[in-house]
Amino acid sequence: MTQPPVDWTVRRSAVDQRPSPSQGRGVESRAAILRTAARLFSEQGFTGTSLQGVAEELGMTKGVVYHHFTNKEAIAVAVVEEHYARWPAVLKEVQALRLPPLETCRELLDRVAVAFHTDVVVQAGARLQIERTSVTARLPVPYVGWVELLTSLLREARDAGQLRAEVVPEAAANAVVAGFFGVQHVSESLHGRSDLLERWRIMADLLFRSFGKD
């Protein structure tokens, strides 16, 4: 069954929320488990990570981890959801700059590249999506939400007269998504994403120059 595309509704990430007094340590414990699991998933992959390993990293009992998550798949799903929860807030920040549509695309993706470079939850979500066949639980369909969002922005750019006449927004959006996620995967595979920002700058310059009018 085809899963729905990613929901771009703005919401705060549960990992980043501060617990209210009524929520107490339970929320803190869950957030700590997610952060630690994200780091282990990012470093070791899904099959190389265990609930016992997460518990030991945190100095918790395995029972505490089970209190919040029924199994490793549940943690993986939660981490991937946290990965996607990052993007609506980034989009809102970029939209507040009120840049022209094409510049909005570039600024958004530049900030996403920084997140892939620095944010372990983002990195873990990307690795889990690559290893999705090893995760028995259903994960959100990757890339679809990005293609839809960038298509919308590129249509706005076309209507604003920013695109070359031959540029088709849907095709351009697919090219940008493939270029971005290809670059981050190559960077992660070869250099642990240490050169991601430079690789993305080169790719983005090529892509956006080919789309925009001189």
Protein backbone atom coordinates (compact mmCIF):
# COMPACT_ATOMS: atom_id res chain seq x y z
CA MET A 1 0.00 0.00 0.00
CA THR A 2 1.30 3.42 -0.93
CA GLN A 3 1.84 5.63 2.10
CA PRO A 4 0.81 9.29 2.06
CA PRO A 5 3.46 11.93 1.43
CA VAL A 6 5.08 13.75 4.31
CA ASP A 7 2.80 16.21 6.11
CA TRP A 8 4.35 19.69 5.94
CA THR A 9 2.14 21.10 8.69
CA VAL A 10 4.29 23.12 11.08
CA ARG A 11 4.82 21.40 14.40
CA ARG A 12 7.48 21.38 17.05
CA SER A 13 9.77 18.41 17.33
CA ALA A 14 9.13 16.30 20.41
CA VAL A 15 12.87 15.87 20.87
CA ASP A 16 13.31 19.62 21.23
CA GLN A 17 10.32 20.39 23.43
CA ARG A 18 10.90 21.24 27.04
CA PRO A 19 8.59 19.27 29.31
CA SER A 20 5.91 21.07 31.26
CA PRO A 21 5.94 20.53 35.05
CA SER A 22 3.04 18.11 34.68
CA GLN A 23 4.94 15.98 32.18
CA GLY A 24 8.07 15.76 34.28
CA ARG A 25 10.83 13.29 33.74
CA GLY A 26 8.89 11.04 31.40
CA VAL A 27 9.20 13.50 28.52
CA GLU A 28 12.86 14.11 29.33
CA SER A 29 13.55 10.37 29.35
CA ARG A 30 11.78 9.82 26.04
CA ALA A 31 13.65 12.70 24.40
CA ALA A 32 16.97 11.38 25.74
CA ILE A 33 16.20 7.92 24.37
CA LEU A 34 15.39 9.36 20.94
CA ARG A 35 18.55 11.47 20.82
CA THR A 36 20.75 8.57 21.86
CA ALA A 37 19.03 6.12 19.54
CA ALA A 38 19.40 8.62 16.70
CA ARG A 39 23.14 8.83 17.26
CA LEU A 40 23.48 5.05 17.34
CA PHE A 41 21.30 4.59 14.27
CA SER A 42 23.38 7.19 12.46
CA GLU A 43 26.68 5.56 13.44
CA GLN A 44 25.75 1.86 13.42
CA GLY A 45 22.63 1.55 11.32
CA PHE A 46 19.36 -0.13 12.22
CA THR A 47 20.63 -3.70 12.48
CA GLY A 48 23.71 -2.64 14.43
CA THR A 49 21.69 -0.84 17.11
CA SER A 50 19.92 -2.56 19.99
CA LEU A 51 17.62 -1.45 22.79
CA GLN A 52 20.20 -2.76 25.23
CA GLY A 53 22.83 -0.57 23.61
CA VAL A 54 20.59 2.49 23.86
CA ALA A 55 19.90 1.75 27.53
CA GLU A 56 23.58 1.27 28.32
CA GLU A 57 24.54 4.54 26.62
CA LEU A 58 22.03 6.34 28.82
CA GLY A 59 22.75 4.45 32.03
CA MET A 60 19.15 3.25 32.07
CA THR A 61 17.65 -0.15 32.46
CA LYS A 62 16.20 -1.76 29.37
CA GLY A 63 12.83 -1.66 31.13
CA VAL A 64 12.86 2.14 31.11
CA VAL A 65 13.38 2.12 27.36
CA TYR A 66 10.53 -0.39 26.95
CA HIS A 67 8.32 1.88 29.02
CA HIS A 68 8.52 4.48 26.25
CA PHE A 69 8.94 2.28 23.16
CA THR A 70 7.64 -1.23 22.59
CA ASN A 71 10.56 -2.26 20.38
CA LYS A 72 13.43 -1.03 18.21
CA GLU A 73 11.13 -0.48 15.25
CA ALA A 74 9.03 1.94 17.30
CA ILE A 75 12.14 3.97 18.12
CA ALA A 76 13.17 3.97 14.46
CA VAL A 77 9.76 5.27 13.39
CA ALA A 78 9.91 7.97 16.07
CA VAL A 79 13.39 9.05 14.94
CA VAL A 80 12.29 9.27 11.28
CA GLU A 81 9.24 11.29 12.34
CA GLU A 82 11.53 13.64 14.27
CA HIS A 83 13.67 13.96 11.14
CA TYR A 84 10.66 15.18 9.18
CA ALA A 85 9.51 17.40 12.04
CA ARG A 86 12.58 19.58 11.47
CA TRP A 87 11.56 20.83 8.03
CA PRO A 88 8.31 22.77 8.58
CA ALA A 89 10.04 25.02 11.11
CA VAL A 90 12.95 25.63 8.72
CA LEU A 91 10.50 26.44 5.94
CA LYS A 92 8.65 28.89 8.18
CA GLU A 93 11.92 30.65 9.06
CA VAL A 94 12.86 30.98 5.40
CA GLN A 95 9.41 32.21 4.39
CA ALA A 96 9.69 34.92 7.04
CA LEU A 97 12.62 36.36 5.05
CA ARG A 98 10.20 37.13 2.18
CA LEU A 99 12.71 36.27 -0.51
CA PRO A 100 11.70 35.80 -4.15
CA PRO A 101 10.58 32.20 -4.85
CA LEU A 102 13.81 30.97 -6.48
CA GLU A 103 15.92 32.44 -3.69
CA THR A 104 13.54 30.85 -1.18
CA CYS A 105 14.28 27.44 -2.71
CA ARG A 106 18.02 27.98 -2.47
CA GLU A 107 17.94 29.38 1.07
CA LEU A 108 15.72 26.54 2.24
CA LEU A 109 17.99 23.86 0.83
CA ASP A 110 21.12 25.60 2.12
CA ARG A 111 19.66 25.42 5.62
CA VAL A 112 18.63 21.81 5.14
CA ALA A 113 22.21 21.03 4.12
CA VAL A 114 23.42 22.54 7.39
CA ALA A 115 20.96 20.32 9.27
CA PHE A 116 22.23 17.22 7.47
CA HIS A 117 25.75 18.30 8.37
CA THR A 118 25.14 18.91 12.08
CA ASP A 119 21.88 17.36 13.32
CA VAL A 120 22.16 13.72 14.39
CA VAL A 121 18.38 13.22 14.23
CA VAL A 122 18.37 14.34 10.60
CA GLN A 123 21.36 12.11 9.86
CA ALA A 124 19.75 9.12 11.56
CA GLY A 125 16.46 9.64 9.74
CA ALA A 126 18.27 9.67 6.41
CA ARG A 127 20.15 6.46 7.19
CA LEU A 128 17.02 4.70 8.40
CA GLN A 129 15.23 5.63 5.19
CA ILE A 130 18.09 4.13 3.19
CA GLU A 131 17.86 0.98 5.34
CA ARG A 132 14.05 0.94 5.27
CA THR A 133 13.92 -2.65 4.00
CA SER A 134 15.46 -3.74 7.32
CA VAL A 135 12.78 -1.93 9.34
CA THR A 136 9.58 -3.98 9.54
CA ALA A 137 7.51 -0.97 10.64
CA ARG A 138 6.14 1.46 8.03
CA LEU A 139 8.16 4.62 7.56
CA PRO A 140 7.01 7.81 5.80
CA VAL A 141 7.64 7.78 2.06
CA PRO A 142 10.82 9.78 1.44
CA TYR A 143 11.31 12.57 -1.11
CA VAL A 144 7.64 12.99 -2.10
CA GLY A 145 7.01 15.91 0.25
CA TRP A 146 10.19 17.62 -0.94
CA VAL A 147 9.25 17.26 -4.60
CA GLU A 148 5.79 18.68 -3.94
CA LEU A 149 7.11 21.62 -1.94
CA LEU A 150 9.83 22.54 -4.42
CA THR A 151 7.45 22.16 -7.35
CA SER A 152 5.15 24.69 -5.70
CA LEU A 153 8.00 27.13 -5.09
CA LEU A 154 9.33 26.73 -8.62
CA ARG A 155 5.87 27.36 -10.05
CA GLU A 156 5.86 30.60 -8.09
CA ALA A 157 9.29 31.38 -9.52
CA ARG A 158 7.98 30.71 -13.04
CA ASP A 159 4.98 32.97 -12.47
CA ALA A 160 7.32 35.66 -11.14
CA GLY A 161 9.39 35.46 -14.32
CA GLN A 162 12.45 34.00 -12.61
CA LEU A 163 12.73 30.76 -14.61
CA ARG A 164 13.94 30.16 -18.13
CA ALA A 165 11.05 29.47 -20.49
CA GLU A 166 12.09 25.85 -21.05
CA VAL A 167 12.23 24.95 -17.33
CA VAL A 168 9.35 22.74 -16.18
CA PRO A 169 8.83 23.20 -12.41
CA GLU A 170 7.96 19.55 -11.72
CA ALA A 171 11.00 18.26 -13.60
CA ALA A 172 13.25 20.87 -12.01
CA ALA A 173 11.97 19.96 -8.54
CA ASN A 174 12.75 16.30 -9.14
CA ALA A 175 16.24 17.22 -10.34
CA VAL A 176 16.88 19.35 -7.23
CA VAL A 177 15.68 16.62 -4.87
CA ALA A 178 17.78 13.98 -6.63
CA GLY A 179 20.78 16.30 -6.63
CA PHE A 180 20.48 17.25 -2.98
CA PHE A 181 19.93 13.79 -1.56
CA GLY A 182 22.51 12.29 -3.90
CA VAL A 183 25.09 14.82 -2.75
CA GLN A 184 24.40 14.22 0.93
CA HIS A 185 24.56 10.44 0.45
CA VAL A 186 27.86 10.60 -1.44
CA SER A 187 29.29 12.97 1.17
CA GLU A 188 28.17 10.70 4.03
CA SER A 189 29.53 7.58 2.33
CA LEU A 190 32.94 9.03 1.48
CA HIS A 191 33.65 11.58 4.19
CA GLY A 192 31.04 11.32 6.95
CA ARG A 193 29.38 14.49 5.59
CA SER A 194 32.43 16.60 6.49
CA ASP A 195 32.43 18.07 2.96
CA LEU A 196 28.66 18.20 2.52
CA LEU A 197 28.28 21.97 2.55
CA GLU A 198 30.91 22.47 -0.13
CA ARG A 199 29.53 19.65 -2.27
CA TRP A 200 26.03 21.09 -1.98
CA ARG A 201 27.22 24.61 -2.85
CA ILE A 202 28.75 23.32 -6.08
CA MET A 203 25.64 21.30 -6.98
CA ALA A 204 23.27 24.14 -6.09
CA ASP A 205 25.21 26.66 -8.16
CA LEU A 206 24.95 24.37 -11.19
CA LEU A 207 21.26 23.62 -10.72
CA PHE A 208 20.00 27.09 -9.93
CA ARG A 209 22.07 28.73 -12.64
CA SER A 210 20.52 26.36 -15.18
CA PHE A 211 16.99 27.23 -13.98
CA GLY A 212 17.19 30.99 -13.58
CA LYS A 213 17.22 33.71 -16.18
CA ASP A 214 20.49 35.52 -16.85
